[in-house]
C-alpha atoms as a PDB file:
ATOM      1  CA  MET A   1      -2.919 -11.131 -24.577  1.00  0.00           C
ATOM      2  CA  SER A   2      -1.872  -7.629 -25.683  1.00  0.00           C
ATOM      3  CA  ALA A   3       1.691  -6.376 -25.357  1.00  0.00           C
ATOM      4  CA  ASN A   4       0.570  -3.836 -22.753  1.00  0.00           C
ATOM      5  CA  ALA A   5      -1.171  -6.498 -20.637  1.00  0.00           C
ATOM      6  CA  THR A   6       1.890  -8.752 -20.891  1.00  0.00           C
ATOM      7  CA  GLY A   7       4.165  -5.924 -19.834  1.00  0.00           C
ATOM      8  CA  ALA A   8       1.866  -5.004 -16.936  1.00  0.00           C
ATOM      9  CA  GLY A   9       1.749  -8.623 -15.729  1.00  0.00           C
ATOM     10  CA  PHE A  10       5.513  -8.969 -15.767  1.00  0.00           C
ATOM     11  CA  MET A  11       5.862  -5.617 -14.003  1.00  0.00           C
ATOM     12  CA  VAL A  12       3.562  -6.700 -11.157  1.00  0.00           C
ATOM     13  CA  LEU A  13       5.513  -9.963 -10.840  1.00  0.00           C
ATOM     14  CA  ALA A  14       8.828  -8.087 -10.847  1.00  0.00           C
ATOM     15  CA  MET A  15       7.672  -5.591  -8.224  1.00  0.00           C
ATOM     16  CA  THR A  16       6.390  -8.360  -5.933  1.00  0.00           C
ATOM     17  CA  LEU A  17       9.730 -10.139  -6.162  1.00  0.00           C
ATOM     18  CA  PHE A  18      11.633  -6.895  -5.626  1.00  0.00           C
ATOM     19  CA  ALA A  19       9.617  -6.257  -2.457  1.00  0.00           C
ATOM     20  CA  ILE A  20      10.611  -9.717  -1.204  1.00  0.00           C
ATOM     21  CA  GLU A  21      14.225  -8.954  -2.117  1.00  0.00           C
ATOM     22  CA  ASP A  22      14.062  -5.642  -0.209  1.00  0.00           C
ATOM     23  CA  ALA A  23      12.690  -7.326   2.916  1.00  0.00           C
ATOM     24  CA  LEU A  24      15.381 -10.021   2.827  1.00  0.00           C
ATOM     25  CA  PHE A  25      18.165  -7.469   2.334  1.00  0.00           C
ATOM     26  CA  LYS A  26      16.845  -5.182   5.077  1.00  0.00           C
ATOM     27  CA  SER A  27      16.668  -8.126   7.492  1.00  0.00           C
ATOM     28  CA  VAL A  28      20.446  -8.527   7.067  1.00  0.00           C
ATOM     29  CA  ALA A  29      21.401  -4.823   6.959  1.00  0.00           C
ATOM     30  CA  PRO A  30      21.193  -4.086  10.719  1.00  0.00           C
ATOM     31  CA  GLY A  31      23.998  -6.575  11.438  1.00  0.00           C
ATOM     32  CA  LEU A  32      26.074  -6.775   8.264  1.00  0.00           C
ATOM     33  CA  PRO A  33      27.569  -3.542   6.807  1.00  0.00           C
ATOM     34  CA  PRO A  34      25.592  -2.410   3.708  1.00  0.00           C
ATOM     35  CA  GLY A  35      28.630  -2.411   1.405  1.00  0.00           C
ATOM     36  CA  GLU A  36      29.535  -5.999   2.258  1.00  0.00           C
ATOM     37  CA  ALA A  37      25.908  -7.129   2.002  1.00  0.00           C
ATOM     38  CA  THR A  38      25.575  -5.448  -1.416  1.00  0.00           C
ATOM     39  CA  LEU A  39      28.815  -7.081  -2.603  1.00  0.00           C
ATOM     40  CA  ILE A  40      27.652 -10.594  -1.647  1.00  0.00           C
ATOM     41  CA  PHE A  41      24.237  -9.956  -3.176  1.00  0.00           C
ATOM     42  CA  GLY A  42      25.819  -8.769  -6.442  1.00  0.00           C
ATOM     43  CA  LEU A  43      28.221 -11.709  -6.691  1.00  0.00           C
ATOM     44  CA  THR A  44      25.324 -14.126  -6.151  1.00  0.00           C
ATOM     45  CA  GLY A  45      23.346 -12.553  -8.994  1.00  0.00           C
ATOM     46  CA  VAL A  46      26.348 -12.511 -11.359  1.00  0.00           C
ATOM     47  CA  THR A  47      27.007 -16.195 -10.680  1.00  0.00           C
ATOM     48  CA  LEU A  48      23.397 -17.229 -11.303  1.00  0.00           C
ATOM     49  CA  TYR A  49      23.018 -15.167 -14.482  1.00  0.00           C
ATOM     50  CA  THR A  50      26.377 -16.387 -15.837  1.00  0.00           C
ATOM     51  CA  ALA A  51      25.264 -19.993 -15.374  1.00  0.00           C
ATOM     52  CA  MET A  52      21.942 -19.251 -17.119  1.00  0.00           C
ATOM     53  CA  THR A  53      23.704 -17.500 -20.000  1.00  0.00           C
ATOM     54  CA  LEU A  54      26.216 -20.303 -20.571  1.00  0.00           C
ATOM     55  CA  ARG A  55      23.427 -22.885 -20.408  1.00  0.00           C
ATOM     56  CA  ALA A  56      21.567 -20.978 -23.140  1.00  0.00           C
ATOM     57  CA  GLY A  57      24.714 -21.072 -25.311  1.00  0.00           C
ATOM     58  CA  GLU A  58      25.164 -17.286 -25.226  1.00  0.00           C
ATOM     59  CA  ALA A  59      28.323 -15.258 -24.756  1.00  0.00           C
ATOM     60  CA  VAL A  60      28.731 -13.932 -21.219  1.00  0.00           C
ATOM     61  CA  LEU A  61      29.727 -10.508 -22.553  1.00  0.00           C
ATOM     62  CA  HIS A  62      28.072  -9.104 -25.675  1.00  0.00           C
ATOM     63  CA  PRO A  63      29.863  -6.429 -27.774  1.00  0.00           C
ATOM     64  CA  ALA A  64      26.679  -4.337 -27.768  1.00  0.00           C
ATOM     65  CA  MET A  65      27.178  -3.761 -24.030  1.00  0.00           C
ATOM     66  CA  LEU A  66      29.591  -0.983 -25.030  1.00  0.00           C
ATOM     67  CA  ARG A  67      26.920   0.946 -26.929  1.00  0.00           C
ATOM     68  CA  PRO A  68      26.031   4.376 -25.502  1.00  0.00           C
ATOM     69  CA  SER A  69      22.504   3.335 -24.456  1.00  0.00           C
ATOM     70  CA  LEU A  70      23.804   0.451 -22.331  1.00  0.00           C
ATOM     71  CA  LEU A  71      26.674   2.499 -20.934  1.00  0.00           C
ATOM     72  CA  LEU A  72      24.158   5.107 -19.787  1.00  0.00           C
ATOM     73  CA  ARG A  73      21.982   2.325 -18.371  1.00  0.00           C
ATOM     74  CA  THR A  74      24.998   1.086 -16.403  1.00  0.00           C
ATOM     75  CA  VAL A  75      25.708   4.541 -14.979  1.00  0.00           C
ATOM     76  CA  PHE A  76      22.132   4.951 -13.771  1.00  0.00           C
ATOM     77  CA  GLU A  77      22.097   1.384 -12.418  1.00  0.00           C
ATOM     78  CA  ILE A  78      25.169   2.193 -10.305  1.00  0.00           C
ATOM     79  CA  MET A  79      23.456   5.324  -9.028  1.00  0.00           C
ATOM     80  CA  GLY A  80      20.253   3.467  -8.155  1.00  0.00           C
ATOM     81  CA  ARG A  81      21.935   0.501  -6.473  1.00  0.00           C
ATOM     82  CA  LEU A  82      24.391   2.602  -4.503  1.00  0.00           C
ATOM     83  CA  PHE A  83      21.809   4.861  -2.939  1.00  0.00           C
ATOM     84  CA  PHE A  84      19.167   2.149  -2.590  1.00  0.00           C
ATOM     85  CA  ALA A  85      21.472  -0.030  -0.475  1.00  0.00           C
ATOM     86  CA  LEU A  86      22.119   2.925   1.830  1.00  0.00           C
ATOM     87  CA  SER A  87      18.421   3.762   1.972  1.00  0.00           C
ATOM     88  CA  LEU A  88      17.440   0.197   2.891  1.00  0.00           C
ATOM     89  CA  ALA A  89      20.081   0.132   5.593  1.00  0.00           C
ATOM     90  CA  TYR A  90      19.190   3.437   7.257  1.00  0.00           C
ATOM     91  CA  THR A  91      15.554   4.216   6.363  1.00  0.00           C
ATOM     92  CA  PRO A  92      12.244   2.499   7.238  1.00  0.00           C
ATOM     93  CA  LEU A  93      11.152   0.111   4.481  1.00  0.00           C
ATOM     94  CA  SER A  94       7.757   1.800   4.127  1.00  0.00           C
ATOM     95  CA  VAL A  95       9.376   5.220   3.537  1.00  0.00           C
ATOM     96  CA  THR A  96      11.941   3.919   1.046  1.00  0.00           C
ATOM     97  CA  SER A  97       9.321   1.980  -0.924  1.00  0.00           C
ATOM     98  CA  SER A  98       6.948   4.947  -0.943  1.00  0.00           C
ATOM     99  CA  ILE A  99       9.499   7.353  -2.395  1.00  0.00           C
ATOM    100  CA  LEU A 100      10.444   4.818  -5.059  1.00  0.00           C
ATOM    101  CA  GLN A 101       6.882   4.961  -6.367  1.00  0.00           C
ATOM    102  CA  ALA A 102       7.600   8.324  -7.973  1.00  0.00           C
ATOM    103  CA  ALA A 103       9.759   6.472 -10.522  1.00  0.00           C
ATOM    104  CA  PRO A 104       6.921   5.934 -13.069  1.00  0.00           C
ATOM    105  CA  LEU A 105       6.545   9.703 -13.424  1.00  0.00           C
ATOM    106  CA  VAL A 106      10.215   9.980 -14.377  1.00  0.00           C
ATOM    107  CA  VAL A 107       9.916   6.993 -16.734  1.00  0.00           C
ATOM    108  CA  THR A 108       6.782   8.379 -18.396  1.00  0.00           C
ATOM    109  CA  ALA A 109       8.344  11.799 -18.891  1.00  0.00           C
ATOM    110  CA  GLY A 110      11.468  10.183 -20.306  1.00  0.00           C
ATOM    111  CA  ALA A 111       9.450   7.972 -22.662  1.00  0.00           C
ATOM    112  CA  ALA A 112       7.695  11.044 -24.018  1.00  0.00           C
ATOM    113  CA  LEU A 113      10.816  13.192 -24.286  1.00  0.00           C
ATOM    114  CA  LEU A 114      13.461  10.634 -25.306  1.00  0.00           C
ATOM    115  CA  LEU A 115      11.584   7.783 -27.005  1.00  0.00           C
ATOM    116  CA  GLY A 116       8.859   9.831 -28.693  1.00  0.00           C
ATOM    117  CA  GLU A 117       5.961   7.922 -27.122  1.00  0.00           C
ATOM    118  CA  LYS A 118       2.642   9.763 -27.168  1.00  0.00           C
ATOM    119  CA  VAL A 119       1.201  10.247 -23.714  1.00  0.00           C
ATOM    120  CA  GLY A 120      -2.313  11.677 -23.783  1.00  0.00           C
ATOM    121  CA  PRO A 121      -3.738  14.072 -21.192  1.00  0.00           C
ATOM    122  CA  ARG A 122      -5.841  11.362 -19.548  1.00  0.00           C
ATOM    123  CA  ARG A 123      -2.794   9.181 -18.941  1.00  0.00           C
ATOM    124  CA  TRP A 124      -0.934  12.162 -17.521  1.00  0.00           C
ATOM    125  CA  ALA A 125      -3.927  12.824 -15.285  1.00  0.00           C
ATOM    126  CA  ALA A 126      -3.916   9.189 -14.108  1.00  0.00           C
ATOM    127  CA  MET A 127      -0.202   9.464 -13.377  1.00  0.00           C
ATOM    128  CA  ALA A 128      -0.854  12.660 -11.437  1.00  0.00           C
ATOM    129  CA  VAL A 129      -3.474  10.852  -9.342  1.00  0.00           C
ATOM    130  CA  GLY A 130      -0.923   8.140  -8.618  1.00  0.00           C
ATOM    131  CA  PHE A 131       1.587  10.777  -7.571  1.00  0.00           C
ATOM    132  CA  ILE A 132      -0.999  12.337  -5.256  1.00  0.00           C
ATOM    133  CA  GLY A 133      -1.283   8.904  -3.691  1.00  0.00           C
ATOM    134  CA  VAL A 134       2.469   8.886  -3.162  1.00  0.00           C
ATOM    135  CA  LEU A 135       2.271  12.337  -1.547  1.00  0.00           C
ATOM    136  CA  LEU A 136      -0.426  11.077   0.820  1.00  0.00           C
ATOM    137  CA  ILE A 137       1.995   8.382   1.924  1.00  0.00           C
ATOM    138  CA  VAL A 138       5.149  10.480   2.105  1.00  0.00           C
ATOM    139  CA  ARG A 139       3.410  13.717   3.262  1.00  0.00           C
ATOM    140  CA  PRO A 140       6.329  16.026   2.384  1.00  0.00           C
ATOM    141  CA  THR A 141       7.417  18.157   5.311  1.00  0.00           C
ATOM    142  CA  PRO A 142      10.752  19.684   6.239  1.00  0.00           C
ATOM    143  CA  GLU A 143      11.425  16.404   8.029  1.00  0.00           C
ATOM    144  CA  ALA A 144      11.050  14.468   4.758  1.00  0.00           C
ATOM    145  CA  PHE A 145      14.170  16.107   3.374  1.00  0.00           C
ATOM    146  CA  ARG A 146      16.531  14.452   5.804  1.00  0.00           C
ATOM    147  CA  LEU A 147      19.566  12.608   4.469  1.00  0.00           C
ATOM    148  CA  ASP A 148      17.733   9.280   4.347  1.00  0.00           C
ATOM    149  CA  ALA A 149      14.967  10.773   2.203  1.00  0.00           C
ATOM    150  CA  LEU A 150      17.551  12.183  -0.205  1.00  0.00           C
ATOM    151  CA  LEU A 151      19.111   8.732  -0.500  1.00  0.00           C
ATOM    152  CA  SER A 152      15.737   7.283  -1.510  1.00  0.00           C
ATOM    153  CA  ILE A 153      15.104  10.079  -4.019  1.00  0.00           C
ATOM    154  CA  ALA A 154      18.507   9.543  -5.648  1.00  0.00           C
ATOM    155  CA  ALA A 155      17.863   5.793  -5.837  1.00  0.00           C
ATOM    156  CA  MET A 156      14.433   6.400  -7.375  1.00  0.00           C
ATOM    157  CA  PHE A 157      15.862   8.592 -10.121  1.00  0.00           C
ATOM    158  CA  GLY A 158      18.637   6.102 -10.889  1.00  0.00           C
ATOM    159  CA  PHE A 159      16.227   3.177 -11.172  1.00  0.00           C
ATOM    160  CA  ALA A 160      13.768   5.145 -13.300  1.00  0.00           C
ATOM    161  CA  MET A 161      16.439   6.079 -15.825  1.00  0.00           C
ATOM    162  CA  ARG A 162      17.766   2.523 -15.789  1.00  0.00           C
ATOM    163  CA  ASP A 163      14.327   1.210 -16.718  1.00  0.00           C
ATOM    164  CA  LEU A 164      14.041   3.758 -19.503  1.00  0.00           C
ATOM    165  CA  TYR A 165      17.383   2.757 -21.022  1.00  0.00           C
ATOM    166  CA  THR A 166      16.464  -0.915 -20.647  1.00  0.00           C
ATOM    167  CA  ARG A 167      13.747  -0.176 -23.193  1.00  0.00           C
ATOM    168  CA  ALA A 168      16.348   1.401 -25.488  1.00  0.00           C
ATOM    169  CA  ALA A 169      18.814  -1.489 -25.067  1.00  0.00           C
ATOM    170  CA  PRO A 170      19.778  -3.324 -28.304  1.00  0.00           C
ATOM    171  CA  PRO A 171      17.490  -6.358 -28.886  1.00  0.00           C
ATOM    172  CA  ALA A 172      20.627  -8.416 -29.625  1.00  0.00           C
ATOM    173  CA  VAL A 173      21.470  -8.328 -25.908  1.00  0.00           C
ATOM    174  CA  SER A 174      19.366 -10.992 -24.194  1.00  0.00           C
ATOM    175  CA  ALA A 175      17.675 -10.591 -20.816  1.00  0.00           C
ATOM    176  CA  ARG A 176      20.288 -12.921 -19.316  1.00  0.00           C
ATOM    177  CA  GLN A 177      23.162 -10.822 -20.620  1.00  0.00           C
ATOM    178  CA  LEU A 178      21.475  -7.684 -19.289  1.00  0.00           C
ATOM    179  CA  GLY A 179      21.213  -9.492 -15.951  1.00  0.00           C
ATOM    180  CA  ILE A 180      24.956 -10.147 -15.868  1.00  0.00           C
ATOM    181  CA  LEU A 181      25.590  -6.489 -16.567  1.00  0.00           C
ATOM    182  CA  GLY A 182      23.077  -5.394 -13.938  1.00  0.00           C
ATOM    183  CA  PHE A 183      24.455  -7.553 -11.139  1.00  0.00           C
ATOM    184  CA  ALA A 184      28.028  -6.691 -12.091  1.00  0.00           C
ATOM    185  CA  VAL A 185      26.949  -3.120 -11.391  1.00  0.00           C
ATOM    186  CA  VAL A 186      25.517  -4.200  -8.016  1.00  0.00           C
ATOM    187  CA  THR A 187      28.876  -5.801  -7.198  1.00  0.00           C
ATOM    188  CA  PHE A 188      30.694  -2.628  -8.208  1.00  0.00           C
ATOM    189  CA  ALA A 189      28.337  -0.550  -6.052  1.00  0.00           C
ATOM    190  CA  GLY A 190      29.155  -2.807  -3.100  1.00  0.00           C
ATOM    191  CA  LEU A 191      32.870  -2.233  -3.665  1.00  0.00           C
ATOM    192  CA  LEU A 192      32.272   1.524  -3.736  1.00  0.00           C
ATOM    193  CA  LEU A 193      30.382   1.329  -0.440  1.00  0.00           C
ATOM    194  CA  LEU A 194      32.953  -0.810   1.406  1.00  0.00           C
ATOM    195  CA  PRO A 195      35.273   2.077   2.427  1.00  0.00           C
ATOM    196  CA  PHE A 196      32.286   3.940   3.901  1.00  0.00           C
ATOM    197  CA  ASP A 197      30.805   1.031   5.879  1.00  0.00           C
ATOM    198  CA  PRO A 198      30.350   1.903   9.574  1.00  0.00           C
ATOM    199  CA  ALA A 199      32.125  -1.316  10.591  1.00  0.00           C
ATOM    200  CA  PRO A 200      34.980  -3.327   9.026  1.00  0.00           C
ATOM    201  CA  PRO A 201      34.061  -6.339   6.841  1.00  0.00           C
ATOM    202  CA  ARG A 202      33.497  -9.623   8.661  1.00  0.00           C
ATOM    203  CA  LEU A 203      32.467 -13.141   7.795  1.00  0.00           C
ATOM    204  CA  PRO A 204      28.660 -13.264   7.666  1.00  0.00           C
ATOM    205  CA  GLN A 205      26.859 -15.602  10.007  1.00  0.00           C
ATOM    206  CA  THR A 206      25.211 -18.655   8.447  1.00  0.00           C
ATOM    207  CA  SER A 207      21.717 -17.135   8.702  1.00  0.00           C
ATOM    208  CA  GLU A 208      22.925 -13.872   7.155  1.00  0.00           C
ATOM    209  CA  LEU A 209      24.648 -15.668   4.287  1.00  0.00           C
ATOM    210  CA  LEU A 210      21.578 -17.810   3.567  1.00  0.00           C
ATOM    211  CA  ARG A 211      19.355 -14.732   3.478  1.00  0.00           C
ATOM    212  CA  LEU A 212      21.742 -12.939   1.136  1.00  0.00           C
ATOM    213  CA  LEU A 213      21.886 -15.958  -1.181  1.00  0.00           C
ATOM    214  CA  ALA A 214      18.075 -16.036  -1.156  1.00  0.00           C
ATOM    215  CA  THR A 215      18.097 -12.294  -1.871  1.00  0.00           C
ATOM    216  CA  GLY A 216      20.305 -12.921  -4.907  1.00  0.00           C
ATOM    217  CA  PHE A 217      18.050 -15.697  -6.224  1.00  0.00           C
ATOM    218  CA  VAL A 218      14.874 -13.624  -5.808  1.00  0.00           C
ATOM    219  CA  GLY A 219      16.676 -10.630  -7.302  1.00  0.00           C
ATOM    220  CA  VAL A 220      17.587 -12.605 -10.431  1.00  0.00           C
ATOM    221  CA  CYS A 221      13.954 -13.644 -10.893  1.00  0.00           C
ATOM    222  CA  ALA A 222      12.783 -10.054 -10.322  1.00  0.00           C
ATOM    223  CA  TYR A 223      15.369  -8.587 -12.688  1.00  0.00           C
ATOM    224  CA  THR A 224      14.392 -11.021 -15.431  1.00  0.00           C
ATOM    225  CA  ALA A 225      10.705 -10.151 -15.054  1.00  0.00           C
ATOM    226  CA  LEU A 226      11.512  -6.421 -15.044  1.00  0.00           C
ATOM    227  CA  THR A 227      13.542  -6.671 -18.247  1.00  0.00           C
ATOM    228  CA  ARG A 228      10.674  -8.519 -19.935  1.00  0.00           C
ATOM    229  CA  ALA A 229       8.202  -5.921 -18.681  1.00  0.00           C
ATOM    230  CA  MET A 230      10.221  -2.989 -20.027  1.00  0.00           C
ATOM    231  CA  ARG A 231      10.537  -4.703 -23.418  1.00  0.00           C
ATOM    232  CA  SER A 232       6.785  -5.290 -23.744  1.00  0.00           C
ATOM    233  CA  GLY A 233       4.123  -2.738 -24.650  1.00  0.00           C
ATOM    234  CA  GLU A 234       4.436   0.986 -24.101  1.00  0.00           C
ATOM    235  CA  VAL A 235       6.683   2.281 -21.344  1.00  0.00           C
ATOM    236  CA  SER A 236       4.124   4.895 -20.317  1.00  0.00           C
ATOM    237  CA  VAL A 237       1.537   2.122 -19.794  1.00  0.00           C
ATOM    238  CA  VAL A 238       3.737  -0.503 -18.165  1.00  0.00           C
ATOM    239  CA  ALA A 239       5.613   1.862 -15.822  1.00  0.00           C
ATOM    240  CA  PRO A 240       2.663   2.752 -13.522  1.00  0.00           C
ATOM    241  CA  PHE A 241       2.441  -0.880 -12.406  1.00  0.00           C
ATOM    242  CA  ARG A 242       5.641  -0.299 -10.463  1.00  0.00           C
ATOM    243  CA  TYR A 243       3.201   0.963  -7.824  1.00  0.00           C
ATOM    244  CA  SER A 244       2.319  -2.629  -6.931  1.00  0.00           C
ATOM    245  CA  ARG A 245       5.693  -2.873  -5.161  1.00  0.00           C
ATOM    246  CA  LEU A 246       4.425  -0.434  -2.566  1.00  0.00           C
ATOM    247  CA  LEU A 247       1.483  -2.614  -1.544  1.00  0.00           C
ATOM    248  CA  VAL A 248       3.660  -5.683  -0.976  1.00  0.00           C
ATOM    249  CA  ALA A 249       6.295  -3.591   0.815  1.00  0.00           C
ATOM    250  CA  LEU A 250       3.672  -2.178   3.195  1.00  0.00           C
ATOM    251  CA  VAL A 251       2.599  -5.703   4.130  1.00  0.00           C
ATOM    252  CA  PHE A 252       6.191  -6.746   4.820  1.00  0.00           C
ATOM    253  CA  ALA A 253       6.866  -3.533   6.739  1.00  0.00           C
ATOM    254  CA  TYR A 254       3.869  -4.306   8.939  1.00  0.00           C
ATOM    255  CA  LEU A 255       4.483  -8.018   9.485  1.00  0.00           C
ATOM    256  CA  LEU A 256       8.285  -8.197   9.610  1.00  0.00           C
ATOM    257  CA  PHE A 257       9.530  -4.819  10.820  1.00  0.00           C
ATOM    258  CA  GLY A 258       6.705  -3.604  13.059  1.00  0.00           C
ATOM    259  CA  GLU A 259       5.905  -0.552  10.929  1.00  0.00           C
ATOM    260  CA  ARG A 260       2.272   0.573  11.170  1.00  0.00           C
ATOM    261  CA  PRO A 261       0.913   2.408   8.098  1.00  0.00           C
ATOM    262  CA  ASP A 262      -1.876   4.852   8.967  1.00  0.00           C
ATOM    263  CA  LEU A 263      -5.094   5.698   7.108  1.00  0.00           C
ATOM    264  CA  TRP A 264      -3.351   8.332   4.957  1.00  0.00           C
ATOM    265  CA  THR A 265      -0.878   5.712   3.777  1.00  0.00           C
ATOM    266  CA  LEU A 266      -3.635   3.234   2.969  1.00  0.00           C
ATOM    267  CA  ALA A 267      -5.624   5.905   1.109  1.00  0.00           C
ATOM    268  CA  GLY A 268      -2.546   6.799  -0.924  1.00  0.00           C
ATOM    269  CA  ALA A 269      -1.944   3.161  -1.795  1.00  0.00           C
ATOM    270  CA  LEU A 270      -5.536   2.883  -3.033  1.00  0.00           C
ATOM    271  CA  LEU A 271      -5.100   5.907  -5.315  1.00  0.00           C
ATOM    272  CA  ILE A 272      -1.909   4.388  -6.690  1.00  0.00           C
ATOM    273  CA  VAL A 273      -3.599   1.110  -7.597  1.00  0.00           C
ATOM    274  CA  VAL A 274      -6.602   2.839  -9.176  1.00  0.00           C
ATOM    275  CA  SER A 275      -4.392   5.083 -11.312  1.00  0.00           C
ATOM    276  CA  GLY A 276      -2.375   2.130 -12.588  1.00  0.00           C
ATOM    277  CA  CYS A 277      -5.480   0.135 -13.524  1.00  0.00           C
ATOM    278  CA  TYR A 278      -7.012   3.143 -15.292  1.00  0.00           C
ATOM    279  CA  THR A 279      -3.835   3.618 -17.336  1.00  0.00           C
ATOM    280  CA  LEU A 280      -4.042   0.038 -18.628  1.00  0.00           C
ATOM    281  CA  ILE A 281      -7.747   0.404 -19.480  1.00  0.00           C
ATOM    282  CA  ARG A 282      -7.071   3.614 -21.426  1.00  0.00           C
ATOM    283  CA  SER A 283      -4.246   1.960 -23.363  1.00  0.00           C
ATOM    284  CA  GLY A 284      -6.569  -0.863 -24.391  1.00  0.00           C
ATOM    285  CA  ARG A 285      -9.105   1.611 -25.798  1.00  0.00           C
ATOM    286  CA  SER A 286      -6.360   3.427 -27.697  1.00  0.00           C
ATOM    287  CA  GLY A 287      -5.484   0.357 -29.737  1.00  0.00           C
ATOM    288  CA  PRO A 288      -2.636  -2.094 -29.663  1.00  0.00           C
ATOM    289  CA  ALA A 289       0.828  -0.847 -28.759  1.00  0.00           C
ATOM    290  CA  PRO A 290       3.615  -1.109 -31.288  1.00  0.00           C
ATOM    291  CA  GLN A 291       5.708  -4.131 -30.522  1.00  0.00           C
ATOM    292  CA  LYS A 292       9.462  -4.042 -30.491  1.00  0.00           C
ATOM    293  CA  PRO A 293      11.265  -6.976 -32.127  1.00  0.00           C
ATOM    294  CA  VAL A 294      12.585  -9.399 -29.524  1.00  0.00           C
ATOM    295  CA  ARG A 295      14.909 -12.334 -30.055  1.00  0.00           C
ATOM    296  CA  ALA A 296      13.624 -15.792 -29.392  1.00  0.00           C
ATOM    297  CA  THR A 297      16.027 -16.139 -26.479  1.00  0.00           C
ATOM    298  CA  ASP A 298      14.328 -13.216 -24.732  1.00  0.00           C
ATOM    299  CA  ARG A 299      10.958 -14.961 -24.773  1.00  0.00           C
ATOM    300  CA  GLN A 300      12.092 -17.792 -22.564  1.00  0.00           C
END
């Protein structure tokens, strides 16, 4: 299997798991303040990744985490997590997930401008078609620029830049160590949100706690798959498969939260899938992607 196909497969897996994570978190958000829910979610992920790292015989904290590329990754992770938690709490899941699908455009532009990847006109055209699909779903109007839409846009930009700097992360830092760093950021974002929660912190109910623990477990699996995806193949090829998250999110929005996507939304989703598949086909005709050295521990 080519590096691009491997990266695309892991990206689809990651996006499916992230959609499950979003649905679990949103099911808790109406009752539990978003800052407290984010804090519990982050602590769960840190605990799981720390156990995995120690079991693999790795250091919990790697000196390379202080390198500029990872520090920038951390800043953008904080931005993405902070605004995404607020967006999930106060915005319909279908709207939040739709706006997030613009992230591959930011990642592709960043890969071309910052990493020197060559993105041909046909790939840019495919990305543009995918973005048209997003516009069909979001249908920008003055109403789309409410506060909740701005929260989703800020989260999208933060996550896109995080993914880009994941690619630039030192290979010496394993996926597990990146996971510790990522969920430590989630925990920090929860602490930042606590003073702004609409209600004071309280002990979560048993059902809420179980759902948050499940959210943390699914999030760890998703984060691991995402890290592997962004370290495989070309960023400009792998990134469009983030669109698969939208399809799963629309199903959950329909079944769990009573949201009813219309024909425009379904048409946009179809364009998104077609553009992602075309991008992978074009990459295969262009020849194999250069592979970045990866430590053996990252292949597990």
